[in-house]
């Protein structure tokens, strides 16, 4: 018997081939085989938004090969990925096989199978329970594709006319840019406020206490929250504290339980990759894709925290044998899933097995092999999965309030500390550097006298809100309901590729072009750029996937008013000017204009402020906040050669000829991953 299994990736095909017998042939589509042509809109608006899909030119040979193999098969299993995108590919595979002009193949020969992990048992289970292509999921993918095509192809020409030629707009990407632009404006508008932190280092008189010294921080002044915003007030308080008598005012002790994190979803895995390893979302997803295709983890595009009962049993058995029953809760831990699409209720991301993987699996070389970087992500996924089924970590938390009294003034100073008494799930997922440990506190009793060692005071200023990094941007998109597991990485890659934002030392900065495009879109399409509106569109697509909304109806609801607005904006909207950054230097070509920094398709460059009257340009990318090591006056800037190779030079060129292929920044400044206190 000859069976054909069609998957998306050659690696996935190779993994399947390891445990399927000689009765099976496995072939790969290598992604989509049909798409909307880029040369035109390819959506028939007049006929209910029908998409005009065509066979991709670069996939013609692949399609012919699949048609030929299908003609020889007794049964054809379409095993593309278990999500909307995979379902759409499955539909297109079915179409090209059934429409083969050389050989008629009955539809009854085609079976759709899905599995969330590439293991022998999972694949055999899928083959035993085939289904037909889920039209609801296909419709949801078509709805998204048509929606994005209409928004992109209708808004982009407007940006060409009103902002600058060559720009493009995306339905979700534009909202992501808006987040970054608004954050930047918050930062620019921020006014720092002076405040003072005051505390005291105290000594314990009690000889029995193991801890002899500890630090308390000013908490209350005369019963009210301590807020000091000027140096004179701070100086007066310090003077009082230096003369004050210190006694233990209150003691509170309690046991604190910290629950384990939920197993990884696409979002939390991408956030952890960015925070712990400094990886982009694109890189994390690429590594996870390889781990999935090699059969090491479950499907990596998911917003579900659900775990299969067999996997829970596997984890509990391992925990009991590895760590002991003290670490095993009486019942499995379950986590709430926010997914609204029952048909797509995948599992969380977890390892397919807890067996030790031999070192030879993680090869440092080999174009298609696994390496130490894959191992880092795999071990993080494995540890998170084990931790989620373990007992809480338990801490003793102590709070000490100290009364400082001088003359008629009363001050309360506070110290808090935690001591881990049972590591629980932290045994499997420890914090690097033991970041949960706080200062050790002494054993004290109420009204006990304390001695002052010294008063501590420091002037500080409030800080502006932090710029987005990859972790915090993905977390915000998810919180707002914008995007889905398969779209986070493409969103972030696209807004950088279009030079709407730049990433410097892990933080996102909007470019002048990004700010101009954002301002035009927000001014003229306020409803479409609203976060809630974008989230509602995502929810509508979920409803289509659930079979409760027709995607054509959804498109009419969106497009009919959108089309009218397009016409009005094109006629009445004013052109937006892109801001430039001056350099204070005259143009060497016309000797009239000023050299300014502009942002183009390939990054920043220098040009004349009189452009297009003067066409002077010089390649230039960005400053890196380091003075030129040669002249000590100019800034080191990132430039490109004529062939696009990056080098570092002085902004005062040609007055200063400093140039280097090597990045002159200290390694730590740009290599160390961002620290983020948010949940993993």
Foldseek 3Di string as FASTA:
>chain_A
DAEEEEEADPLLQVLLVVPDDPNYDYYHQVAAQKDQDPVDLQFDVVPLRRGNIDGDPVRPVVLVVLLVSLVPGQAYEYEYAQALRRLLRVVVNLVSNCPPPVDHDDSVRYWYFYFFFSDPVRVVVRVVPTDDRQVLSPLLVVLQRSVQSCQFVLVQVVCCVFENPPFTDGLQLLLLLVVQLVQVVLQVPDDKFKWKKKKFKWAAPDPPKPDGIDIWTFADWPRHGDTGGDDVVVVVVQVLLVVWWKFFADKDKDKDWDAADQAAALLVLQLCCQFVAVDHSVVSVVLVVLCRSNRFKTHRFGQASADDPVVLVQLQVCCCVPPNPLWADPDFADDDGPDPFPSRNDHHIATPHPDDDDPVQADCDDPSGHHPVSVVSNLVSHLSSSLNRTGTWMKMKMKIWMWIDDDPIITIIMDIFIDTPGCRSCVSVPDPPNVRGDDDDIDDDGGRTIGTPHMDMDMDIDHGDAADFLSVSSVVCVVLQADGSVCSNVSVVVCVLQQQWDAALRGIHGALSVNQSSVLCCVQPVQSSDSNNNNVLVVVSSCSSNVNDRSSVVCCVPVPVVVVSSVVCSPDPHRTYRDWAFDPDADPPPRPFTWTWHADSLAIWTAGPPPPVGGDIGFFHAFNPDADPPPRPFTWTWGADPVGQIKIAGPPPPVDGDIGSDDPDDCCSRRPRHHDPDDD
